[in-house]
Each structure stands twice: as C-alpha cells, then as structure tokens.
C-alpha cells in the first residue's frame, strides 16, 4: 500500500492555482504532444519528452503528464516555490535536487485530475487508483447532466465523475471502499476549487443507506474474476453479482425523475442470447432503462484481456484458473457496457443497443431526450397516433444508401442512418425512408411528410403503405434513440 497522497487540501488548491497559471490544459497537451497524447503509455514517455520545447509549460507536462523527473530548479521556475512546497506537502513526488513524481495530474476538459501514474501491470499496488481510463471516458460521455440538487458517485476512484457532477449538482457525495481513492478525491476537489463534494468511506451504496439522489454514477470494479488482486478491478462478489447489485441499488436510491449511469458486466449461458440477465435486472427496477453493450467475448478472450500484464507460466496458470471459473459457472459469454436508468411512474421499459465506445461522444442531451420521448411514446395508442406526431431532427446524421443496377437502372437496395454524434448508433432502414427522415421539421405531421415524399417519388397507392410502415418503424427507433425530438 502506498503512503501517498497526504490529504492536504490547502496544498492541492495551491498546486491547482500554479498549474492553471502556467496554462496547463487539455488544449496545451494536444498542442505540444499531438492528438494521440492521452493514449500514450509509459513506454512512450521518453520519446514524447524529447518532443517538448524548453518552457515552463513543457516542464509541467514532463512532470505531471509524462511522469518524468525534472530538476527542483525547473519545478520552481514553472510552478513557483509555493507550487513545489505543495507537491512536497501532499507527498506526490520525491523532492530533492530532482523532483520525481509518484502521480499523474491530467487536464480533463476544464478539470485537473490527480491519481496514481501509468499502470505498470502486475506491480501495481492493490489500492492503485487510475486517473482517467477508457471506461471513465465512456461513463462521462453517456451520463445525463441536468441541473440537480443531489448527486452520488459510487466507487469514485480518482473522483472524476464526482467532479464532473459537481458542475451541475448542488451537492455531490462520493463513496469508495479504498481510502486512497477518497484521499485523491478530496485533493482533486480542492485542486479544482470545488466545495460541494463530500467523501464517505464504505462499500458501494452502504454509506448512503436510506438516501435518494437525482443523479447517480458508478464505475464499480465490475470485472468478473476469480481473483481479489486489485480494488479497482476485482469486487470479490460471486460471478456478476456486483453488477446486479449496482443496478438494483442505483434504482433504489433514485429520486422520482432521477437518472443513473452505471458501468457493469453480465454473463450468459448462450452467446445467442447475451443480454437476458442485464435486461432482467433492469426491468426488475421499474425504471426505464437503456442498456448500451460495448464489449463482449468468450471466457478465454475475457481471461486473456484481463491478464495481459502476465507472461509465460504465470499467464498460463491465470488462464487455467479464470477459464475453469467460468466453466464452473456454466458461462459461455461475457458482456460489458453501460446501464442508464430513468425513474418515472409507469416506467419499466428496457432497450438494448450495441455501440462502439471509441465512437461515443458527449450524449447528455441525446440520453435525456431519449428517455423523454420514450415516456411520450408509452402513452401513444398505436401507429395512427404516431403518424399524427410532428418529429424534428435533433442530431446530425450520416445517411447512406447502396445502389445496384436493377433492370437497367440504379435502384436503392440498402439504406442506413448513422448518428454523427452522441452514441454513434446506426440504423438500417428501407429505401425512401431516408427522404422522409431528412424532411422532418417539427412543424409537419409525419403522415403529411410521408404523402409529400411519396408524391415527389411518384409512388403508386399500393407502394405508399410499405413506405409508411418503414417510416413508422424508423421514426419510433430514432425517437427512442433520442435522435428525433417532439416539439
């Protein structure tokens, strides 16, 4: 167990001031190290360091982004004497003639986030705390962000999701069983001059028993594993029990109208029906839910992915242990992803979509719109009612169609609508449906748009019903995806 950080919030505030004064930001990192800077590894750091110029800002990048030592003289020149004293007070670097950092401090949007440095594989301590991982980015991207009174971040880690919530919540509670994670969270709140984040020690939802929240986020140690090696990865729960509990308790702690965004994994005995368990969990909550599946695999691939830090006989033993564990469970397929919940009277509808996490961008407005339109759709009485709606395009689309020669002329054989933002979801539709969707303006009833498109295309009376059915299906899907809105 590491003996840093020291939870000196005054020092953290001082360091945050010094970092901002020198211009340490996400934009500055990209300007100096390129667009792929955040995907770099420890092995890339030496080469990246050589790309930096000699400047105060570059010194900060060497120290806290690349986690490379700098001289004490360089640190004082970049951050001032008070900045170096703050680093020493928090114990986040060895300070002598050289300053050798133990942590990384990354600019994430408007935030500065501190935690343990580059992951070193099997040598990481059990209480290792990551700064901002690909799963952190995914949860950040899909979390709805209305203005709320109370927010909760469970298994907070570095505190990143608590800090993000603090920008639109009056009060945020962050929980974690890992004492070092809470220490980093307290420091990160001070680093960003946030005074509305409260830390509570304990497992998952135990520290907030009996309380309710308007927004809940959770990036728990959801990896299904026979081990208890790392707090951030291995929950110690049997099978996917921690994920089931997170979904269940998140719903139980939601206030009416509240949202939850949690990352989980789920098991299946049949890869052709991979989502039965997570759908059952979600429907049992009584909340409307949106399950976004991001990654799935067989047990061997799962075991190999999570033991990539091993080699040789140690890897062989781990694969045997993990695969044997899944065989005993009768598991053939493992999935991971996000479960989004919205609590409302009369809820309980679950939807599942597969998404590519690398393609996901900020989906806040899309998610909120999706849940709002689903509630409206639940009140509709059949296809006729939907045709009377006035949908509007609310997101950027890419519309593609594949043409093939049929009887001497080009004919559309396949058409696709792909969201160019948000979840990046793609939807296959029937030919000519694209023309209708592209014409939705929020003022004209759907059936009138269909008739207008059919007239321009010269469709016969027998062809119009097929177009109508295709449009109704696509419109309902796009409303449920939050890509269309109802004004």
Protein backbone atom coordinates (compact mmCIF):
# COMPACT_ATOMS: atom_id res chain seq x y z
CA UNK A 1 0.00 0.00 0.00
CA UNK A 2 1.38 3.41 -0.96
CA UNK A 3 1.93 6.06 1.72
CA UNK A 4 0.81 8.91 -0.53
CA UNK A 5 -1.12 11.09 -1.05
CA UNK A 6 -1.39 13.20 2.08
CA UNK A 7 -4.86 14.78 2.07
CA UNK A 8 -3.60 18.37 2.37
CA UNK A 9 -6.38 20.23 0.57
CA UNK A 10 -4.75 23.64 1.05
CA UNK A 11 -1.68 22.33 -0.78
CA UNK A 12 -3.88 20.91 -3.54
CA UNK A 13 -5.59 24.26 -4.00
CA UNK A 14 -2.21 25.97 -4.22
CA UNK A 15 -0.97 23.47 -6.81
CA UNK A 16 -4.13 23.89 -8.88
CA UNK A 17 -3.58 27.65 -8.98
CA UNK A 18 0.04 27.18 -10.09
CA UNK A 19 -0.87 24.68 -12.83
CA UNK A 20 -3.53 26.95 -14.28
CA UNK A 21 -1.25 29.97 -14.09
CA UNK A 22 1.25 28.26 -16.38
CA UNK A 23 -1.51 27.30 -18.85
CA UNK A 24 -1.68 23.55 -18.18
CA UNK A 25 -4.78 22.41 -20.07
CA UNK A 26 -6.05 19.70 -22.40
CA UNK A 27 -5.56 22.05 -25.36
CA UNK A 28 -1.96 22.69 -24.32
CA UNK A 29 -1.25 18.96 -24.10
CA UNK A 30 -2.61 18.37 -27.61
CA UNK A 31 -0.71 21.36 -28.98
CA UNK A 32 2.61 20.10 -27.60
CA UNK A 33 2.23 16.32 -27.87
CA UNK A 34 -0.38 15.78 -30.58
CA UNK A 35 -3.91 14.44 -30.76
CA UNK A 36 -2.92 10.96 -29.52
CA UNK A 37 -1.16 12.22 -26.37
CA UNK A 38 -3.71 10.76 -23.96
CA UNK A 39 -3.39 7.27 -25.43
CA UNK A 40 0.37 7.18 -24.81
CA UNK A 41 1.93 4.65 -22.44
CA UNK A 42 4.82 4.72 -20.01
CA UNK A 43 6.99 3.29 -22.79
CA UNK A 44 6.15 6.31 -24.99
CA UNK A 45 7.05 8.87 -22.34
CA UNK A 46 10.80 9.08 -23.06
CA UNK A 47 10.20 9.76 -26.76
CA UNK A 48 7.37 12.20 -26.02
CA UNK A 49 9.63 14.10 -23.63
CA UNK A 50 12.07 14.74 -26.46
CA UNK A 51 9.29 16.38 -28.49
CA UNK A 52 8.76 19.07 -25.88
CA UNK A 53 10.35 22.51 -26.11
CA UNK A 54 12.13 24.21 -23.22
CA UNK A 55 9.41 26.19 -21.42
CA UNK A 56 7.65 26.41 -18.08
CA UNK A 57 4.58 24.70 -19.56
CA UNK A 58 6.72 21.91 -21.02
CA UNK A 59 8.27 21.36 -17.58
CA UNK A 60 4.80 20.78 -16.16
CA UNK A 61 4.00 18.30 -18.94
CA UNK A 62 7.23 16.43 -18.25
CA UNK A 63 6.48 16.25 -14.55
CA UNK A 64 2.76 15.52 -14.38
CA UNK A 65 1.66 14.32 -17.83
CA UNK A 66 4.62 12.16 -18.80
CA UNK A 67 5.59 11.48 -15.18
CA UNK A 68 9.27 12.20 -15.83
CA UNK A 69 11.62 13.79 -13.29
CA UNK A 70 12.63 17.43 -13.53
CA UNK A 71 15.13 19.39 -11.50
CA UNK A 72 13.93 21.27 -8.43
CA UNK A 73 15.11 24.47 -10.10
CA UNK A 74 12.93 23.74 -13.15
CA UNK A 75 9.94 22.94 -10.92
CA UNK A 76 10.28 26.22 -9.03
CA UNK A 77 10.64 28.16 -12.29
CA UNK A 78 7.44 26.53 -13.64
CA UNK A 79 5.27 26.41 -10.52
CA UNK A 80 6.87 28.81 -8.08
CA UNK A 81 8.25 27.98 -4.66
CA UNK A 82 4.70 27.56 -3.29
CA UNK A 83 3.89 25.05 -6.03
CA UNK A 84 6.91 22.90 -5.16
CA UNK A 85 6.07 23.13 -1.45
CA UNK A 86 2.51 21.97 -2.23
CA UNK A 87 3.86 18.95 -4.12
CA UNK A 88 6.06 18.05 -1.17
CA UNK A 89 3.26 18.58 1.38
CA UNK A 90 0.99 16.12 -0.43
CA UNK A 91 3.80 13.59 -0.80
CA UNK A 92 3.07 13.20 -4.51
CA UNK A 93 6.73 13.40 -5.51
CA UNK A 94 10.19 12.80 -4.04
CA UNK A 95 11.66 16.28 -3.73
CA UNK A 96 15.43 16.82 -3.61
CA UNK A 97 17.79 18.08 -6.28
CA UNK A 98 15.32 16.42 -8.63
CA UNK A 99 11.53 16.16 -8.37
CA UNK A 100 10.45 12.58 -9.10
CA UNK A 101 6.64 12.32 -9.40
CA UNK A 102 4.55 9.47 -7.99
CA UNK A 103 1.33 10.66 -9.64
CA UNK A 104 -0.05 11.98 -12.89
CA UNK A 105 -2.16 15.12 -13.00
CA UNK A 106 -4.19 15.18 -16.20
CA UNK A 107 -6.27 18.01 -17.63
CA UNK A 108 -9.69 16.51 -18.40
CA UNK A 109 -11.88 19.15 -20.01
CA UNK A 110 -11.98 22.00 -17.51
CA UNK A 111 -10.76 19.79 -14.68
CA UNK A 112 -7.36 18.78 -13.33
CA UNK A 113 -7.38 15.20 -12.04
CA UNK A 114 -4.65 13.59 -9.95
CA UNK A 115 -4.14 9.89 -9.19
CA UNK A 116 -1.54 7.14 -9.44
CA UNK A 117 0.66 7.24 -12.51
CA UNK A 118 0.91 4.99 -15.52
CA UNK A 119 -0.33 1.48 -14.80
CA UNK A 120 2.67 -0.83 -14.50
CA UNK A 121 0.80 -4.12 -14.81
CA UNK A 122 1.24 -6.76 -12.16
CA UNK A 123 3.36 -4.49 -9.93
CA UNK A 124 0.55 -2.03 -9.22
CA UNK A 125 -0.44 -2.00 -5.52
CA UNK A 126 -3.83 -3.44 -4.54
CA UNK A 127 -5.17 0.07 -3.83
CA UNK A 128 -3.97 1.55 -7.14
CA UNK A 129 -6.13 4.48 -8.30
CA UNK A 130 -6.36 5.29 -12.01
CA UNK A 131 -6.72 8.88 -13.24
CA UNK A 132 -8.98 8.67 -16.30
CA UNK A 133 -9.42 5.40 -18.18
CA UNK A 134 -11.35 4.49 -21.35
CA UNK A 135 -14.22 3.36 -19.11
CA UNK A 136 -14.09 6.73 -17.32
CA UNK A 137 -14.47 8.42 -20.68
CA UNK A 138 -17.38 6.18 -21.64
CA UNK A 139 -19.25 6.88 -18.42
CA UNK A 140 -18.52 10.59 -18.74
CA UNK A 141 -19.90 10.58 -22.30
CA UNK A 142 -23.20 8.78 -21.63
CA UNK A 143 -24.10 10.39 -18.30
CA UNK A 144 -27.15 12.71 -18.50
CA UNK A 145 -26.35 16.07 -16.92
CA UNK A 146 -29.43 18.05 -15.89
CA UNK A 147 -29.17 20.61 -13.09
CA UNK A 148 -29.82 18.63 -9.91
CA UNK A 149 -29.85 19.10 -6.17
CA UNK A 150 -28.10 15.87 -5.10
CA UNK A 151 -25.72 13.59 -7.00
CA UNK A 152 -23.93 10.41 -5.96
CA UNK A 153 -20.80 8.81 -7.39
CA UNK A 154 -20.27 5.24 -6.20
CA UNK A 155 -16.81 3.59 -6.32
CA UNK A 156 -15.45 7.04 -7.10
CA UNK A 157 -11.78 6.17 -7.67
CA UNK A 158 -9.97 9.39 -8.53
CA UNK A 159 -13.28 11.23 -8.07
CA UNK A 160 -13.54 12.19 -11.74
CA UNK A 161 -17.29 11.55 -12.01
CA UNK A 162 -17.99 13.32 -8.72
CA UNK A 163 -16.05 16.33 -10.01
CA UNK A 164 -17.96 16.30 -13.30
CA UNK A 165 -21.27 16.12 -11.43
CA UNK A 166 -20.21 18.99 -9.16
CA UNK A 167 -20.55 21.36 -12.12
CA UNK A 168 -24.33 20.79 -12.32
CA UNK A 169 -25.27 19.49 -8.86
CA UNK A 170 -25.67 21.49 -5.67
CA UNK A 171 -24.15 18.69 -3.58
CA UNK A 172 -22.23 15.54 -4.56
CA UNK A 173 -21.41 12.54 -2.38
CA UNK A 174 -18.54 10.27 -3.44
CA UNK A 175 -18.16 6.80 -1.91
CA UNK A 176 -15.35 4.27 -2.08
CA UNK A 177 -14.04 1.37 -0.01
CA UNK A 178 -10.48 2.41 -0.97
CA UNK A 179 -9.11 5.02 1.46
CA UNK A 180 -6.51 6.21 -1.07
CA UNK A 181 -9.24 6.78 -3.65
CA UNK A 182 -11.09 9.05 -1.22
CA UNK A 183 -7.86 10.91 -0.42
CA UNK A 184 -7.32 11.57 -4.13
CA UNK A 185 -10.95 12.66 -4.50
CA UNK A 186 -10.61 15.19 -1.67
CA UNK A 187 -7.41 16.53 -3.21
CA UNK A 188 -8.94 16.70 -6.68
CA UNK A 189 -11.93 18.66 -5.39
CA UNK A 190 -9.51 21.16 -3.82
CA UNK A 191 -7.30 21.15 -6.93
CA UNK A 192 -10.35 22.40 -8.84
CA UNK A 193 -11.65 24.69 -6.05
CA UNK A 194 -14.85 22.65 -5.68
CA UNK A 195 -16.52 22.90 -2.30
CA UNK A 196 -19.66 20.82 -2.96
CA UNK A 197 -18.07 17.33 -2.98
CA UNK A 198 -18.37 15.17 0.16
CA UNK A 199 -16.42 11.90 0.56
CA UNK A 200 -17.75 8.91 2.50
CA UNK A 201 -15.91 5.65 3.16
CA UNK A 202 -17.67 2.34 2.61
CA UNK A 203 -18.63 -0.32 0.10
CA UNK A 204 -20.84 0.75 -2.81
CA UNK A 205 -24.14 2.24 -1.50
CA UNK A 206 -23.64 1.41 2.19
CA UNK A 207 -22.53 4.97 3.13
CA UNK A 208 -25.79 6.44 1.75
CA UNK A 209 -28.33 3.99 3.15
CA UNK A 210 -31.84 5.49 3.13
CA UNK A 211 -30.87 8.49 0.97
CA UNK A 212 -32.06 9.36 -2.54
CA UNK A 213 -30.41 11.26 -5.37
CA UNK A 214 -31.30 12.97 -8.63
CA UNK A 215 -28.22 11.61 -10.42
CA UNK A 216 -26.14 8.50 -9.71
CA UNK A 217 -22.95 7.43 -11.48
CA UNK A 218 -20.90 4.31 -10.81
CA UNK A 219 -17.81 2.78 -12.41
CA UNK A 220 -17.50 -0.12 -9.98
CA UNK A 221 -14.94 -2.98 -10.07
CA UNK A 222 -17.26 -4.96 -12.32
CA UNK A 223 -14.77 -7.34 -13.97
CA UNK A 224 -15.96 -10.92 -13.46
CA UNK A 225 -12.92 -12.60 -11.98
CA UNK A 226 -11.89 -15.39 -9.59
CA UNK A 227 -9.30 -13.02 -8.07
CA UNK A 228 -9.16 -10.24 -5.50
CA UNK A 229 -5.98 -8.66 -6.78
CA UNK A 230 -6.92 -5.01 -7.29
CA UNK A 231 -9.64 -2.94 -5.63
CA UNK A 232 -10.40 -1.13 -8.89
CA UNK A 233 -10.88 -4.39 -10.84
CA UNK A 234 -11.95 -7.26 -8.58
CA UNK A 235 -15.06 -6.82 -6.46
CA UNK A 236 -14.89 -10.13 -4.60
CA UNK A 237 -18.55 -10.78 -5.47
CA UNK A 238 -19.57 -14.13 -6.94
CA UNK A 239 -19.97 -14.14 -10.74
CA UNK A 240 -21.60 -10.87 -11.90
CA UNK A 241 -23.19 -10.22 -8.51
CA UNK A 242 -21.61 -6.79 -8.04
CA UNK A 243 -23.16 -5.58 -11.31
CA UNK A 244 -26.60 -6.88 -10.38
CA UNK A 245 -26.35 -5.14 -7.03
CA UNK A 246 -25.21 -1.85 -8.59
CA UNK A 247 -28.17 -1.77 -11.00
CA UNK A 248 -30.63 -2.72 -8.26
CA UNK A 249 -29.34 -0.27 -5.65
CA UNK A 250 -28.87 2.60 -8.10
CA UNK A 251 -32.56 2.35 -8.93
CA UNK A 252 -33.50 2.07 -5.27
CA UNK A 253 -31.60 5.29 -4.45
CA UNK A 254 -33.03 7.35 -7.31
CA UNK A 255 -35.45 10.14 -6.59
CA UNK A 256 -38.51 10.42 -8.82
CA UNK A 257 -37.40 11.78 -12.20
CA UNK A 258 -33.78 10.92 -11.43
CA UNK A 259 -31.14 9.39 -13.72
CA UNK A 260 -28.43 6.79 -13.16
CA UNK A 261 -25.49 5.82 -15.39
CA UNK A 262 -23.55 2.75 -14.26
CA UNK A 263 -20.92 0.55 -15.90
CA UNK A 264 -21.41 -3.19 -15.38
CA UNK A 265 -20.77 -6.62 -16.86
CA UNK A 266 -23.11 -9.56 -17.25
CA UNK A 267 -22.86 -13.27 -18.01
CA UNK A 268 -24.72 -15.55 -20.37
CA UNK A 269 -25.00 -19.28 -20.85
CA UNK A 270 -25.84 -18.76 -24.53
CA UNK A 271 -23.96 -16.28 -26.72
CA UNK A 272 -27.02 -16.01 -28.99
CA UNK A 273 -28.96 -14.54 -26.07
CA UNK A 274 -26.25 -12.49 -24.37
CA UNK A 275 -28.35 -9.81 -22.65
CA UNK A 276 -31.08 -11.75 -20.83
CA UNK A 277 -29.60 -11.22 -17.36
CA UNK A 278 -28.98 -7.48 -17.63
CA UNK A 279 -32.43 -6.90 -19.14
CA UNK A 280 -33.95 -8.84 -16.26
CA UNK A 281 -32.06 -6.70 -13.73
CA UNK A 282 -33.14 -3.50 -15.45
CA UNK A 283 -36.80 -4.44 -15.81
CA UNK A 284 -36.94 -5.52 -12.19
CA UNK A 285 -36.07 -1.96 -11.10
CA UNK A 286 -39.27 -0.50 -12.56
CA UNK A 287 -37.20 2.24 -14.21
CA UNK A 288 -37.00 2.90 -17.90
CA UNK A 289 -33.58 1.62 -18.95
CA UNK A 290 -31.16 1.86 -21.82
CA UNK A 291 -28.51 -0.85 -21.96
CA UNK A 292 -25.51 0.05 -24.11
CA UNK A 293 -23.39 -3.03 -24.79
CA UNK A 294 -19.80 -2.06 -25.60
CA UNK A 295 -17.73 -5.25 -25.49
CA UNK A 296 -18.38 -8.98 -25.36
CA UNK A 297 -16.32 -12.14 -25.64
CA UNK A 298 -15.96 -15.79 -24.81
CA UNK A 299 -14.38 -16.70 -21.43
CA UNK A 300 -10.91 -17.36 -22.84
CA UNK A 301 -10.71 -13.98 -24.60
CA UNK A 302 -12.01 -12.28 -21.45
CA UNK A 303 -9.37 -14.01 -19.33
CA UNK A 304 -6.59 -13.16 -21.77
CA UNK A 305 -7.67 -9.48 -21.92
CA UNK A 306 -7.57 -9.00 -18.16
CA UNK A 307 -4.30 -10.89 -17.68
CA UNK A 308 -2.34 -9.20 -20.45
CA UNK A 309 0.16 -7.96 -17.85
CA UNK A 310 1.33 -11.55 -17.29
CA UNK A 311 3.59 -13.76 -19.37
CA UNK A 312 4.88 -17.31 -19.56
CA UNK A 313 3.83 -19.83 -16.95
CA UNK A 314 2.15 -17.17 -14.81
CA UNK A 315 -0.16 -16.30 -17.70
CA UNK A 316 -0.87 -19.98 -18.41
CA UNK A 317 -1.85 -20.55 -14.76
CA UNK A 318 -4.09 -17.48 -14.75
CA UNK A 319 -5.87 -18.55 -17.94
CA UNK A 320 -6.47 -22.01 -16.49
CA UNK A 321 -7.88 -20.52 -13.28
CA UNK A 322 -10.13 -17.99 -15.00
CA UNK A 323 -11.46 -20.34 -17.69
CA UNK A 324 -12.10 -23.01 -15.05
CA UNK A 325 -14.03 -20.46 -13.01
CA UNK A 326 -16.33 -19.71 -15.94
CA UNK A 327 -16.77 -23.40 -16.74
CA UNK A 328 -17.93 -24.00 -13.16
CA UNK A 329 -20.43 -21.15 -13.60
CA UNK A 330 -21.69 -22.59 -16.88
CA UNK A 331 -20.84 -19.31 -18.63
CA UNK A 332 -20.21 -19.14 -22.38
CA UNK A 333 -20.34 -15.37 -22.94
CA UNK A 334 -19.38 -12.21 -21.04
CA UNK A 335 -20.54 -8.69 -21.88
CA UNK A 336 -19.71 -5.23 -20.59
CA UNK A 337 -21.38 -1.88 -21.02
CA UNK A 338 -23.43 0.91 -19.52
CA UNK A 339 -26.89 0.73 -17.97
CA UNK A 340 -28.78 4.03 -17.98
CA UNK A 341 -31.85 4.35 -15.76
CA UNK A 342 -34.64 6.91 -15.54
CA UNK A 343 -37.11 6.68 -12.67
CA UNK A 344 -40.67 7.66 -13.51
CA UNK A 345 -44.17 6.49 -12.67
CA UNK A 346 -45.23 3.79 -15.09
CA UNK A 347 -41.66 3.04 -16.20
CA UNK A 348 -40.08 -0.34 -16.74
CA UNK A 349 -39.27 -0.42 -20.46
CA UNK A 350 -35.79 -1.76 -21.34
CA UNK A 351 -33.91 -1.16 -24.57
CA UNK A 352 -30.59 -2.71 -25.65
CA UNK A 353 -28.19 -1.29 -28.24
CA UNK A 354 -24.62 -2.21 -29.15
CA UNK A 355 -22.25 0.73 -29.51
CA UNK A 356 -18.55 1.21 -30.21
CA UNK A 357 -17.11 3.04 -27.18
CA UNK A 358 -14.41 4.61 -29.35
CA UNK A 359 -17.11 6.33 -31.40
CA UNK A 360 -19.13 7.68 -28.48
CA UNK A 361 -19.11 11.43 -27.93
CA UNK A 362 -20.96 13.53 -25.37
CA UNK A 363 -24.50 12.11 -25.33
CA UNK A 364 -26.03 14.05 -22.43
CA UNK A 365 -28.82 15.75 -24.40
CA UNK A 366 -29.44 12.65 -26.53
CA UNK A 367 -29.93 10.45 -23.47
CA UNK A 368 -32.30 12.87 -21.76
CA UNK A 369 -34.28 13.33 -24.97
CA UNK A 370 -34.44 9.55 -25.49
CA UNK A 371 -35.98 8.94 -22.07
CA UNK A 372 -38.41 11.85 -22.51
CA UNK A 373 -39.64 10.63 -25.89
CA UNK A 374 -39.97 7.06 -24.63
CA UNK A 375 -42.28 8.28 -21.89
CA UNK A 376 -44.39 10.05 -24.54
CA UNK A 377 -44.39 7.00 -26.82
CA UNK A 378 -45.64 4.86 -23.93
CA UNK A 379 -48.80 6.96 -23.93
CA UNK A 380 -49.49 6.61 -27.67
CA UNK A 381 -52.26 4.35 -28.91
CA UNK A 382 -50.98 2.56 -31.99
CA UNK A 383 -49.44 3.55 -35.31
CA UNK A 384 -52.10 6.10 -36.15
CA UNK A 385 -51.20 8.22 -33.15
CA UNK A 386 -47.54 8.18 -34.11
CA UNK A 387 -48.40 9.34 -37.63
CA UNK A 388 -50.03 12.43 -36.12
CA UNK A 389 -46.81 13.47 -34.34
CA UNK A 390 -44.53 16.26 -35.56
CA UNK A 391 -41.00 14.87 -35.08
CA UNK A 392 -37.94 17.05 -35.55
CA UNK A 393 -34.33 16.25 -36.35
CA UNK A 394 -32.26 16.93 -33.23
CA UNK A 395 -28.89 15.39 -34.11
CA UNK A 396 -26.50 15.29 -37.03
CA UNK A 397 -26.92 12.20 -39.23
CA UNK A 398 -24.96 10.44 -41.89
CA UNK A 399 -27.39 8.95 -44.40
CA UNK A 400 -26.02 6.36 -46.78
CA UNK A 401 -27.60 4.28 -49.49
CA UNK A 402 -26.21 1.47 -51.60
CA UNK A 403 -27.22 1.36 -55.25
CA UNK A 404 -27.28 -1.64 -57.56
CA UNK A 405 -28.41 -1.87 -61.19
CA UNK A 406 -31.85 -3.48 -61.42
CA UNK A 407 -33.47 -3.94 -64.85
CA UNK A 408 -31.18 -1.41 -66.43
CA UNK A 409 -31.46 1.37 -63.82
CA UNK A 410 -29.92 2.13 -60.43
CA UNK A 411 -32.03 1.00 -57.50
CA UNK A 412 -31.52 1.51 -53.77
CA UNK A 413 -31.00 -1.88 -52.14
CA UNK A 414 -29.82 -0.78 -48.68
CA UNK A 415 -30.09 2.45 -46.68
CA UNK A 416 -28.52 3.38 -43.34
CA UNK A 417 -28.92 6.22 -40.88
CA UNK A 418 -25.90 6.69 -38.61
CA UNK A 419 -25.73 9.25 -35.82
CA UNK A 420 -22.74 11.51 -36.37
CA UNK A 421 -22.56 12.40 -32.65
CA UNK A 422 -23.66 11.05 -29.28
CA UNK A 423 -23.80 7.26 -29.19
CA UNK A 424 -22.95 6.96 -32.89
CA UNK A 425 -25.72 4.36 -33.34
CA UNK A 426 -26.53 3.10 -36.84
CA UNK A 427 -29.97 2.02 -38.08
CA UNK A 428 -30.80 0.18 -41.28
CA UNK A 429 -33.96 1.43 -42.98
CA UNK A 430 -35.93 0.74 -46.12
CA UNK A 431 -35.32 2.74 -49.31
CA UNK A 432 -37.03 6.18 -49.44
CA UNK A 433 -37.31 6.26 -45.65
CA UNK A 434 -34.19 8.46 -45.72
CA UNK A 435 -36.08 11.09 -47.72
CA UNK A 436 -38.85 11.21 -45.12
CA UNK A 437 -36.49 11.40 -42.13
CA UNK A 438 -34.47 14.17 -43.80
CA UNK A 439 -37.70 16.18 -44.27
CA UNK A 440 -38.83 16.16 -40.61
CA UNK A 441 -39.03 19.75 -39.39
CA UNK A 442 -41.05 19.60 -36.17
CA UNK A 443 -43.94 21.51 -37.76
CA UNK A 444 -45.45 18.99 -40.16
CA UNK A 445 -47.30 15.82 -39.15
CA UNK A 446 -45.47 12.62 -40.02
CA UNK A 447 -48.28 11.34 -42.28
CA UNK A 448 -48.19 14.58 -44.29
CA UNK A 449 -44.42 14.27 -44.76
CA UNK A 450 -44.87 10.69 -45.98
CA UNK A 451 -47.51 11.74 -48.52
CA UNK A 452 -45.33 14.57 -49.78
CA UNK A 453 -42.30 12.30 -50.27
CA UNK A 454 -44.44 9.62 -51.90
CA UNK A 455 -45.86 12.22 -54.31
CA UNK A 456 -42.43 13.52 -55.30
CA UNK A 457 -41.22 9.95 -55.86
CA UNK A 458 -44.28 9.04 -57.93
CA UNK A 459 -45.19 6.07 -55.73
CA UNK A 460 -48.40 4.19 -56.52
CA UNK A 461 -51.20 3.79 -53.98
CA UNK A 462 -50.01 0.20 -53.42
CA UNK A 463 -46.44 1.33 -52.61
CA UNK A 464 -47.34 4.01 -50.04
CA UNK A 465 -48.36 1.60 -47.21
CA UNK A 466 -44.93 -0.07 -47.33
CA UNK A 467 -43.22 3.32 -47.11
CA UNK A 468 -45.48 4.25 -44.20
CA UNK A 469 -44.63 1.06 -42.29
CA UNK A 470 -40.90 1.62 -42.83
CA UNK A 471 -41.14 5.26 -41.74
CA UNK A 472 -43.13 4.41 -38.61
CA UNK A 473 -40.58 1.79 -37.59
CA UNK A 474 -37.61 4.08 -38.23
CA UNK A 475 -39.27 7.06 -36.54
CA UNK A 476 -40.05 5.09 -33.41
CA UNK A 477 -36.47 3.80 -33.31
CA UNK A 478 -34.99 7.27 -33.79
CA UNK A 479 -37.29 8.72 -31.13
CA UNK A 480 -36.22 6.02 -28.68
CA UNK A 481 -32.58 6.74 -29.55
CA UNK A 482 -33.07 10.42 -28.82
CA UNK A 483 -32.08 11.32 -32.39
CA UNK A 484 -35.52 12.79 -33.09
CA UNK A 485 -37.44 15.06 -30.78
CA UNK A 486 -41.07 16.04 -30.30
CA UNK A 487 -41.63 19.77 -30.10
